[in-house]
Amino acid sequence: MKNDNVIAVVEKGLGNPVKLRILRVLASEPGSAFTKYELEKRTYAKPVSLRKNLRELVSIGWVEELPYLPRKYRLNLQNEVLKHLLDFFKAVKYI
């Protein structure tokens, strides 16, 4: 990925506290998938904000939307930028 693309993705991915809380919750159980309702309860995000931020995290490939009913979400542990971000979160004890 070119440096300009990485910058754009990181800025979009870390644009606000709700995204950070979503990533933190998903990273707390990396093998698990969560519904929007579960994420709302764990992040204290309002439904509209959660949907918007989840959509953006899915669009940049940091979060996967699974084809269950209801939809479930989990981290995309194959994404290289996300792997580095999770390493940083661990280093600073965010997760």
PDB file of N, CA and C in Angstrom:
ATOM      1  N   MET A   1       0.857  -1.169   0.000  1.00  0.00           N
ATOM      2  CA  MET A   1       0.000   0.000   0.000  1.00  0.00           C
ATOM      3  C   MET A   1       0.906   1.235   0.000  1.00  0.00           C
ATOM      4  N   LYS A   2       0.626   2.188  -0.854  1.00  0.00           N
ATOM      5  CA  LYS A   2       1.415   3.417  -0.922  1.00  0.00           C
ATOM      6  C   LYS A   2       1.199   4.245   0.337  1.00  0.00           C
ATOM      7  N   ASN A   3       2.199   5.043   0.686  1.00  0.00           N
ATOM      8  CA  ASN A   3       2.147   5.840   1.897  1.00  0.00           C
ATOM      9  C   ASN A   3       0.925   6.749   1.942  1.00  0.00           C
ATOM     10  N   ASP A   4       0.566   7.396   0.819  1.00  0.00           N
ATOM     11  CA  ASP A   4      -0.616   8.263   0.791  1.00  0.00           C
ATOM     12  C   ASP A   4      -1.878   7.489   1.124  1.00  0.00           C
ATOM     13  N   ASN A   5      -1.975   6.273   0.616  1.00  0.00           N
ATOM     14  CA  ASN A   5      -3.143   5.437   0.901  1.00  0.00           C
ATOM     15  C   ASN A   5      -3.186   5.045   2.373  1.00  0.00           C
ATOM     16  N   VAL A   6      -2.028   4.705   2.949  1.00  0.00           N
ATOM     17  CA  VAL A   6      -1.977   4.336   4.360  1.00  0.00           C
ATOM     18  C   VAL A   6      -2.430   5.515   5.218  1.00  0.00           C
ATOM     19  N   ILE A   7      -1.960   6.701   4.887  1.00  0.00           N
ATOM     20  CA  ILE A   7      -2.345   7.893   5.650  1.00  0.00           C
ATOM     21  C   ILE A   7      -3.857   8.092   5.600  1.00  0.00           C
ATOM     22  N   ALA A   8      -4.434   7.987   4.420  1.00  0.00           N
ATOM     23  CA  ALA A   8      -5.883   8.171   4.271  1.00  0.00           C
ATOM     24  C   ALA A   8      -6.661   7.113   5.047  1.00  0.00           C
ATOM     25  N   VAL A   9      -6.212   5.870   4.984  1.00  0.00           N
ATOM     26  CA  VAL A   9      -6.899   4.774   5.683  1.00  0.00           C
ATOM     27  C   VAL A   9      -6.805   4.956   7.192  1.00  0.00           C
ATOM     28  N   VAL A  10      -5.629   5.291   7.694  1.00  0.00           N
ATOM     29  CA  VAL A  10      -5.462   5.468   9.136  1.00  0.00           C
ATOM     30  C   VAL A  10      -6.308   6.643   9.627  1.00  0.00           C
ATOM     31  N   GLU A  11      -6.307   7.741   8.874  1.00  0.00           N
ATOM     32  CA  GLU A  11      -7.125   8.885   9.287  1.00  0.00           C
ATOM     33  C   GLU A  11      -8.608   8.545   9.286  1.00  0.00           C
ATOM     34  N   LYS A  12      -9.058   7.784   8.295  1.00  0.00           N
ATOM     35  CA  LYS A  12     -10.464   7.378   8.255  1.00  0.00           C
ATOM     36  C   LYS A  12     -10.766   6.387   9.375  1.00  0.00           C
ATOM     37  N   GLY A  13      -9.835   5.481   9.623  1.00  0.00           N
ATOM     38  CA  GLY A  13     -10.041   4.451  10.643  1.00  0.00           C
ATOM     39  C   GLY A  13     -10.042   4.980  12.056  1.00  0.00           C
ATOM     40  N   LEU A  14      -9.273   6.038  12.307  1.00  0.00           N
ATOM     41  CA  LEU A  14      -9.151   6.556  13.670  1.00  0.00           C
ATOM     42  C   LEU A  14      -9.815   7.910  13.835  1.00  0.00           C
ATOM     43  N   GLY A  15     -10.783   8.197  13.003  1.00  0.00           N
ATOM     44  CA  GLY A  15     -11.400   9.513  12.964  1.00  0.00           C
ATOM     45  C   GLY A  15     -12.116   9.975  14.209  1.00  0.00           C
ATOM     46  N   ASN A  16     -12.558   9.083  15.070  1.00  0.00           N
ATOM     47  CA  ASN A  16     -13.284   9.533  16.264  1.00  0.00           C
ATOM     48  C   ASN A  16     -13.280   8.466  17.351  1.00  0.00           C
ATOM     49  N   PRO A  17     -13.667   8.826  18.562  1.00  0.00           N
ATOM     50  CA  PRO A  17     -13.624   7.880  19.682  1.00  0.00           C
ATOM     51  C   PRO A  17     -14.508   6.647  19.510  1.00  0.00           C
ATOM     52  N   VAL A  18     -15.622   6.763  18.796  1.00  0.00           N
ATOM     53  CA  VAL A  18     -16.500   5.591  18.617  1.00  0.00           C
ATOM     54  C   VAL A  18     -15.751   4.498  17.856  1.00  0.00           C
ATOM     55  N   LYS A  19     -15.006   4.870  16.827  1.00  0.00           N
ATOM     56  CA  LYS A  19     -14.231   3.869  16.084  1.00  0.00           C
ATOM     57  C   LYS A  19     -13.208   3.198  16.991  1.00  0.00           C
ATOM     58  N   LEU A  20     -12.551   3.989  17.814  1.00  0.00           N
ATOM     59  CA  LEU A  20     -11.569   3.410  18.737  1.00  0.00           C
ATOM     60  C   LEU A  20     -12.235   2.433  19.700  1.00  0.00           C
ATOM     61  N   ARG A  21     -13.409   2.789  20.195  1.00  0.00           N
ATOM     62  CA  ARG A  21     -14.121   1.892  21.114  1.00  0.00           C
ATOM     63  C   ARG A  21     -14.562   0.616  20.407  1.00  0.00           C
ATOM     64  N   ILE A  22     -15.017   0.742  19.157  1.00  0.00           N
ATOM     65  CA  ILE A  22     -15.404  -0.450  18.387  1.00  0.00           C
ATOM     66  C   ILE A  22     -14.195  -1.364  18.229  1.00  0.00           C
ATOM     67  N   LEU A  23     -13.073  -0.792  17.812  1.00  0.00           N
ATOM     68  CA  LEU A  23     -11.856  -1.593  17.625  1.00  0.00           C
ATOM     69  C   LEU A  23     -11.417  -2.228  18.941  1.00  0.00           C
ATOM     70  N   ARG A  24     -11.528  -1.485  20.026  1.00  0.00           N
ATOM     71  CA  ARG A  24     -11.129  -2.028  21.327  1.00  0.00           C
ATOM     72  C   ARG A  24     -11.994  -3.216  21.730  1.00  0.00           C
ATOM     73  N   VAL A  25     -13.294  -3.087  21.551  1.00  0.00           N
ATOM     74  CA  VAL A  25     -14.200  -4.189  21.894  1.00  0.00           C
ATOM     75  C   VAL A  25     -13.900  -5.412  21.022  1.00  0.00           C
ATOM     76  N   LEU A  26     -13.780  -5.201  19.720  1.00  0.00           N
ATOM     77  CA  LEU A  26     -13.507  -6.322  18.816  1.00  0.00           C
ATOM     78  C   LEU A  26     -12.150  -6.953  19.126  1.00  0.00           C
ATOM     79  N   ALA A  27     -11.162  -6.130  19.477  1.00  0.00           N
ATOM     80  CA  ALA A  27      -9.824  -6.648  19.783  1.00  0.00           C
ATOM     81  C   ALA A  27      -9.778  -7.370  21.123  1.00  0.00           C
ATOM     82  N   SER A  28     -10.728  -7.091  21.998  1.00  0.00           N
ATOM     83  CA  SER A  28     -10.747  -7.759  23.299  1.00  0.00           C
ATOM     84  C   SER A  28     -11.053  -9.247  23.158  1.00  0.00           C
ATOM     85  N   GLU A  29     -11.739  -9.606  22.083  1.00  0.00           N
ATOM     86  CA  GLU A  29     -12.041 -11.013  21.782  1.00  0.00           C
ATOM     87  C   GLU A  29     -11.880 -11.206  20.276  1.00  0.00           C
ATOM     88  N   PRO A  30     -10.632 -11.254  19.787  1.00  0.00           N
ATOM     89  CA  PRO A  30     -10.390 -11.232  18.339  1.00  0.00           C
ATOM     90  C   PRO A  30     -11.002 -12.392  17.559  1.00  0.00           C
ATOM     91  N   GLY A  31     -11.292 -13.494  18.181  1.00  0.00           N
ATOM     92  CA  GLY A  31     -11.901 -14.614  17.473  1.00  0.00           C
ATOM     93  C   GLY A  31     -13.417 -14.578  17.467  1.00  0.00           C
ATOM     94  N   SER A  32     -13.983 -13.603  18.158  1.00  0.00           N
ATOM     95  CA  SER A  32     -15.434 -13.522  18.294  1.00  0.00           C
ATOM     96  C   SER A  32     -16.025 -12.501  17.338  1.00  0.00           C
ATOM     97  N   ALA A  33     -17.313 -12.678  17.058  1.00  0.00           N
ATOM     98  CA  ALA A  33     -18.068 -11.733  16.237  1.00  0.00           C
ATOM     99  C   ALA A  33     -19.202 -11.178  17.083  1.00  0.00           C
ATOM    100  N   PHE A  34     -19.522  -9.907  16.860  1.00  0.00           N
ATOM    101  CA  PHE A  34     -20.513  -9.213  17.662  1.00  0.00           C
ATOM    102  C   PHE A  34     -21.599  -8.621  16.779  1.00  0.00           C
ATOM    103  N   THR A  35     -22.820  -8.615  17.283  1.00  0.00           N
ATOM    104  CA  THR A  35     -23.914  -7.927  16.583  1.00  0.00           C
ATOM    105  C   THR A  35     -23.792  -6.420  16.860  1.00  0.00           C
ATOM    106  N   LYS A  36     -24.534  -5.633  16.090  1.00  0.00           N
ATOM    107  CA  LYS A  36     -24.561  -4.188  16.329  1.00  0.00           C
ATOM    108  C   LYS A  36     -25.071  -3.899  17.742  1.00  0.00           C
ATOM    109  N   TYR A  37     -26.078  -4.645  18.161  1.00  0.00           N
ATOM    110  CA  TYR A  37     -26.638  -4.437  19.498  1.00  0.00           C
ATOM    111  C   TYR A  37     -25.579  -4.666  20.576  1.00  0.00           C
ATOM    112  N   GLU A  38     -24.820  -5.757  20.444  1.00  0.00           N
ATOM    113  CA  GLU A  38     -23.753  -6.034  21.419  1.00  0.00           C
ATOM    114  C   GLU A  38     -22.709  -4.919  21.420  1.00  0.00           C
ATOM    115  N   LEU A  39     -22.364  -4.442  20.223  1.00  0.00           N
ATOM    116  CA  LEU A  39     -21.382  -3.367  20.130  1.00  0.00           C
ATOM    117  C   LEU A  39     -21.918  -2.063  20.721  1.00  0.00           C
ATOM    118  N   GLU A  40     -23.195  -1.787  20.509  1.00  0.00           N
ATOM    119  CA  GLU A  40     -23.805  -0.590  21.107  1.00  0.00           C
ATOM    120  C   GLU A  40     -23.669  -0.636  22.625  1.00  0.00           C
ATOM    121  N   LYS A  41     -23.990  -1.777  23.207  1.00  0.00           N
ATOM    122  CA  LYS A  41     -23.956  -1.916  24.662  1.00  0.00           C
ATOM    123  C   LYS A  41     -22.531  -1.806  25.196  1.00  0.00           C
ATOM    124  N   ARG A  42     -21.580  -2.361  24.481  1.00  0.00           N
ATOM    125  CA  ARG A  42     -20.191  -2.366  24.966  1.00  0.00           C
ATOM    126  C   ARG A  42     -19.448  -1.065  24.690  1.00  0.00           C
ATOM    127  N   THR A  43     -19.868  -0.317  23.682  1.00  0.00           N
ATOM    128  CA  THR A  43     -19.168   0.919  23.335  1.00  0.00           C
ATOM    129  C   THR A  43     -19.896   2.162  23.837  1.00  0.00           C
ATOM    130  N   TYR A  44     -21.133   1.998  24.284  1.00  0.00           N
ATOM    131  CA  TYR A  44     -21.980   3.114  24.713  1.00  0.00           C
ATOM    132  C   TYR A  44     -22.236   4.098  23.569  1.00  0.00           C
ATOM    133  N   ALA A  45     -22.197   3.591  22.352  1.00  0.00           N
ATOM    134  CA  ALA A  45     -22.432   4.435  21.175  1.00  0.00           C
ATOM    135  C   ALA A  45     -23.925   4.449  20.839  1.00  0.00           C
ATOM    136  N   LYS A  46     -24.362   5.556  20.298  1.00  0.00           N
ATOM    137  CA  LYS A  46     -25.745   5.646  19.816  1.00  0.00           C
ATOM    138  C   LYS A  46     -25.846   4.836  18.526  1.00  0.00           C
ATOM    139  N   PRO A  47     -27.007   4.235  18.254  1.00  0.00           N
ATOM    140  CA  PRO A  47     -27.160   3.367  17.081  1.00  0.00           C
ATOM    141  C   PRO A  47     -26.731   4.009  15.760  1.00  0.00           C
ATOM    142  N   VAL A  48     -27.099   5.253  15.524  1.00  0.00           N
ATOM    143  CA  VAL A  48     -26.750   5.915  14.259  1.00  0.00           C
ATOM    144  C   VAL A  48     -25.232   6.063  14.141  1.00  0.00           C
ATOM    145  N   SER A  49     -24.600   6.473  15.207  1.00  0.00           N
ATOM    146  CA  SER A  49     -23.147   6.645  15.214  1.00  0.00           C
ATOM    147  C   SER A  49     -22.443   5.307  15.030  1.00  0.00           C
ATOM    148  N   LEU A  50     -22.922   4.287  15.713  1.00  0.00           N
ATOM    149  CA  LEU A  50     -22.313   2.963  15.585  1.00  0.00           C
ATOM    150  C   LEU A  50     -22.409   2.463  14.147  1.00  0.00           C
ATOM    151  N   ARG A  51     -23.583   2.581  13.535  1.00  0.00           N
ATOM    152  CA  ARG A  51     -23.759   2.113  12.151  1.00  0.00           C
ATOM    153  C   ARG A  51     -22.808   2.838  11.194  1.00  0.00           C
ATOM    154  N   LYS A  52     -22.734   4.148  11.319  1.00  0.00           N
ATOM    155  CA  LYS A  52     -21.871   4.948  10.446  1.00  0.00           C
ATOM    156  C   LYS A  52     -20.405   4.535  10.592  1.00  0.00           C
ATOM    157  N   ASN A  53     -19.959   4.397  11.817  1.00  0.00           N
ATOM    158  CA  ASN A  53     -18.562   4.073  12.064  1.00  0.00           C
ATOM    159  C   ASN A  53     -18.232   2.635  11.684  1.00  0.00           C
ATOM    160  N   LEU A  54     -19.141   1.728  11.927  1.00  0.00           N
ATOM    161  CA  LEU A  54     -18.931   0.335  11.491  1.00  0.00           C
ATOM    162  C   LEU A  54     -18.818   0.267   9.973  1.00  0.00           C
ATOM    163  N   ARG A  55     -19.693   0.991   9.285  1.00  0.00           N
ATOM    164  CA  ARG A  55     -19.686   1.011   7.821  1.00  0.00           C
ATOM    165  C   ARG A  55     -18.318   1.495   7.303  1.00  0.00           C
ATOM    166  N   GLU A  56     -17.775   2.524   7.937  1.00  0.00           N
ATOM    167  CA  GLU A  56     -16.467   3.036   7.523  1.00  0.00           C
ATOM    168  C   GLU A  56     -15.351   2.043   7.822  1.00  0.00           C
ATOM    169  N   LEU A  57     -15.401   1.397   8.979  1.00  0.00           N
ATOM    170  CA  LEU A  57     -14.369   0.404   9.312  1.00  0.00           C
ATOM    171  C   LEU A  57     -14.433  -0.796   8.370  1.00  0.00           C
ATOM    172  N   VAL A  58     -15.635  -1.175   7.960  1.00  0.00           N
ATOM    173  CA  VAL A  58     -15.787  -2.266   6.982  1.00  0.00           C
ATOM    174  C   VAL A  58     -15.249  -1.801   5.628  1.00  0.00           C
ATOM    175  N   SER A  59     -15.519  -0.559   5.251  1.00  0.00           N
ATOM    176  CA  SER A  59     -15.102  -0.064   3.932  1.00  0.00           C
ATOM    177  C   SER A  59     -13.590  -0.020   3.774  1.00  0.00           C
ATOM    178  N   ILE A  60     -12.848   0.177   4.867  1.00  0.00           N
ATOM    179  CA  ILE A  60     -11.389   0.201   4.767  1.00  0.00           C
ATOM    180  C   ILE A  60     -10.764  -1.164   5.069  1.00  0.00           C
ATOM    181  N   GLY A  61     -11.609  -2.147   5.353  1.00  0.00           N
ATOM    182  CA  GLY A  61     -11.116  -3.511   5.522  1.00  0.00           C
ATOM    183  C   GLY A  61     -10.586  -3.856   6.900  1.00  0.00           C
ATOM    184  N   TRP A  62     -10.823  -3.006   7.898  1.00  0.00           N
ATOM    185  CA  TRP A  62     -10.372  -3.323   9.246  1.00  0.00           C
ATOM    186  C   TRP A  62     -11.344  -4.233   9.969  1.00  0.00           C
ATOM    187  N   VAL A  63     -12.608  -4.173   9.580  1.00  0.00           N
ATOM    188  CA  VAL A  63     -13.656  -4.990  10.194  1.00  0.00           C
ATOM    189  C   VAL A  63     -14.366  -5.757   9.087  1.00  0.00           C
ATOM    190  N   GLU A  64     -14.705  -6.997   9.396  1.00  0.00           N
ATOM    191  CA  GLU A  64     -15.453  -7.836   8.450  1.00  0.00           C
ATOM    192  C   GLU A  64     -16.909  -7.915   8.897  1.00  0.00           C
ATOM    193  N   GLU A  65     -17.810  -7.803   7.932  1.00  0.00           N
ATOM    194  CA  GLU A  65     -19.233  -8.007   8.190  1.00  0.00           C
ATOM    195  C   GLU A  65     -19.551  -9.439   7.786  1.00  0.00           C
ATOM    196  N   LEU A  66     -20.030 -10.218   8.731  1.00  0.00           N
ATOM    197  CA  LEU A  66     -20.322 -11.629   8.470  1.00  0.00           C
ATOM    198  C   LEU A  66     -21.776 -11.806   8.043  1.00  0.00           C
ATOM    199  N   PRO A  67     -22.033 -12.737   7.148  1.00  0.00           N
ATOM    200  CA  PRO A  67     -23.371 -12.892   6.563  1.00  0.00           C
ATOM    201  C   PRO A  67     -24.364 -13.672   7.436  1.00  0.00           C
ATOM    202  N   TYR A  68     -24.441 -13.319   8.698  1.00  0.00           N
ATOM    203  CA  TYR A  68     -25.401 -13.953   9.590  1.00  0.00           C
ATOM    204  C   TYR A  68     -26.601 -13.038   9.757  1.00  0.00           C
ATOM    205  N   LEU A  69     -27.671 -13.591  10.281  1.00  0.00           N
ATOM    206  CA  LEU A  69     -28.823 -12.784  10.656  1.00  0.00           C
ATOM    207  C   LEU A  69     -29.021 -12.925  12.148  1.00  0.00           C
ATOM    208  N   PRO A  70     -28.916 -11.912  12.932  1.00  0.00           N
ATOM    209  CA  PRO A  70     -28.500 -10.567  12.533  1.00  0.00           C
ATOM    210  C   PRO A  70     -27.017 -10.541  12.146  1.00  0.00           C
ATOM    211  N   ARG A  71     -26.643  -9.491  11.405  1.00  0.00           N
ATOM    212  CA  ARG A  71     -25.256  -9.330  10.970  1.00  0.00           C
ATOM    213  C   ARG A  71     -24.323  -9.300  12.173  1.00  0.00           C
ATOM    214  N   LYS A  72     -23.138  -9.870  11.970  1.00  0.00           N
ATOM    215  CA  LYS A  72     -22.117  -9.842  13.014  1.00  0.00           C
ATOM    216  C   LYS A  72     -20.846  -9.269  12.432  1.00  0.00           C
ATOM    217  N   TYR A  73     -20.015  -8.739  13.325  1.00  0.00           N
ATOM    218  CA  TYR A  73     -18.790  -8.051  12.924  1.00  0.00           C
ATOM    219  C   TYR A  73     -17.615  -8.571  13.729  1.00  0.00           C
ATOM    220  N   ARG A  74     -16.460  -8.648  13.059  1.00  0.00           N
ATOM    221  CA  ARG A  74     -15.225  -9.038  13.734  1.00  0.00           C
ATOM    222  C   ARG A  74     -14.059  -8.337  13.048  1.00  0.00           C
ATOM    223  N   LEU A  75     -12.919  -8.343  13.741  1.00  0.00           N
ATOM    224  CA  LEU A  75     -11.731  -7.740  13.161  1.00  0.00           C
ATOM    225  C   LEU A  75     -11.264  -8.547  11.963  1.00  0.00           C
ATOM    226  N   ASN A  76     -10.722  -7.866  10.965  1.00  0.00           N
ATOM    227  CA  ASN A  76     -10.096  -8.526   9.819  1.00  0.00           C
ATOM    228  C   ASN A  76      -8.616  -8.648  10.144  1.00  0.00           C
ATOM    229  N   LEU A  77      -8.243  -9.741  10.761  1.00  0.00           N
ATOM    230  CA  LEU A  77      -6.876  -9.936  11.226  1.00  0.00           C
ATOM    231  C   LEU A  77      -5.885 -10.175  10.098  1.00  0.00           C
ATOM    232  N   GLN A  78      -6.353 -10.189   8.865  1.00  0.00           N
ATOM    233  CA  GLN A  78      -5.464 -10.314   7.703  1.00  0.00           C
ATOM    234  C   GLN A  78      -5.006  -8.943   7.204  1.00  0.00           C
ATOM    235  N   ASN A  79      -5.605  -7.876   7.681  1.00  0.00           N
ATOM    236  CA  ASN A  79      -5.278  -6.525   7.224  1.00  0.00           C
ATOM    237  C   ASN A  79      -3.973  -6.074   7.878  1.00  0.00           C
ATOM    238  N   GLU A  80      -2.970  -5.747   7.056  1.00  0.00           N
ATOM    239  CA  GLU A  80      -1.633  -5.396   7.550  1.00  0.00           C
ATOM    240  C   GLU A  80      -1.635  -4.125   8.395  1.00  0.00           C
ATOM    241  N   VAL A  81      -2.328  -3.095   7.967  1.00  0.00           N
ATOM    242  CA  VAL A  81      -2.364  -1.847   8.730  1.00  0.00           C
ATOM    243  C   VAL A  81      -3.014  -2.099  10.088  1.00  0.00           C
ATOM    244  N   LEU A  82      -4.094  -2.845  10.104  1.00  0.00           N
ATOM    245  CA  LEU A  82      -4.771  -3.153  11.365  1.00  0.00           C
ATOM    246  C   LEU A  82      -3.852  -3.944  12.289  1.00  0.00           C
ATOM    247  N   LYS A  83      -3.089  -4.882  11.753  1.00  0.00           N
ATOM    248  CA  LYS A  83      -2.157  -5.660  12.588  1.00  0.00           C
ATOM    249  C   LYS A  83      -1.189  -4.727  13.314  1.00  0.00           C
ATOM    250  N   HIS A  84      -0.644  -3.753  12.595  1.00  0.00           N
ATOM    251  CA  HIS A  84       0.285  -2.800  13.215  1.00  0.00           C
ATOM    252  C   HIS A  84      -0.430  -1.938  14.258  1.00  0.00           C
ATOM    253  N   LEU A  85      -1.646  -1.543  13.947  1.00  0.00           N
ATOM    254  CA  LEU A  85      -2.417  -0.743  14.891  1.00  0.00           C
ATOM    255  C   LEU A  85      -2.693  -1.534  16.170  1.00  0.00           C
ATOM    256  N   LEU A  86      -3.040  -2.795  16.036  1.00  0.00           N
ATOM    257  CA  LEU A  86      -3.286  -3.632  17.217  1.00  0.00           C
ATOM    258  C   LEU A  86      -2.015  -3.806  18.034  1.00  0.00           C
ATOM    259  N   ASP A  87      -0.877  -3.938  17.362  1.00  0.00           N
ATOM    260  CA  ASP A  87       0.409  -4.007  18.080  1.00  0.00           C
ATOM    261  C   ASP A  87       0.640  -2.726  18.890  1.00  0.00           C
ATOM    262  N   PHE A  88       0.331  -1.572  18.264  1.00  0.00           N
ATOM    263  CA  PHE A  88       0.454  -0.304  18.972  1.00  0.00           C
ATOM    264  C   PHE A  88      -0.487  -0.254  20.167  1.00  0.00           C
ATOM    265  N   PHE A  89      -1.752  -0.638  19.963  1.00  0.00           N
ATOM    266  CA  PHE A  89      -2.717  -0.658  21.071  1.00  0.00           C
ATOM    267  C   PHE A  89      -2.209  -1.513  22.232  1.00  0.00           C
ATOM    268  N   LYS A  90      -1.625  -2.665  21.910  1.00  0.00           N
ATOM    269  CA  LYS A  90      -1.086  -3.542  22.955  1.00  0.00           C
ATOM    270  C   LYS A  90       0.103  -2.883  23.662  1.00  0.00           C
ATOM    271  N   ALA A  91       0.985  -2.246  22.874  1.00  0.00           N
ATOM    272  CA  ALA A  91       2.171  -1.615  23.440  1.00  0.00           C
ATOM    273  C   ALA A  91       1.817  -0.504  24.427  1.00  0.00           C
ATOM    274  N   VAL A  92       0.758   0.237  24.137  1.00  0.00           N
ATOM    275  CA  VAL A  92       0.364   1.328  25.035  1.00  0.00           C
ATOM    276  C   VAL A  92      -0.716   0.890  26.024  1.00  0.00           C
ATOM    277  N   LYS A  93      -1.015  -0.400  26.019  1.00  0.00           N
ATOM    278  CA  LYS A  93      -1.986  -1.005  26.937  1.00  0.00           C
ATOM    279  C   LYS A  93      -3.409  -0.478  26.764  1.00  0.00           C
ATOM    280  N   TYR A  94      -3.755  -0.139  25.497  1.00  0.00           N
ATOM    281  CA  TYR A  94      -5.136   0.239  25.180  1.00  0.00           C
ATOM    282  C   TYR A  94      -6.010  -1.003  25.133  1.00  0.00           C
ATOM    283  N   ILE A  95      -5.412  -2.107  24.714  1.00  0.00           N
ATOM    284  CA  ILE A  95      -6.114  -3.400  24.740  1.00  0.00           C
ATOM    285  C   ILE A  95      -5.270  -4.391  25.512  1.00  0.00           C
TER     286      ILE A  95
END
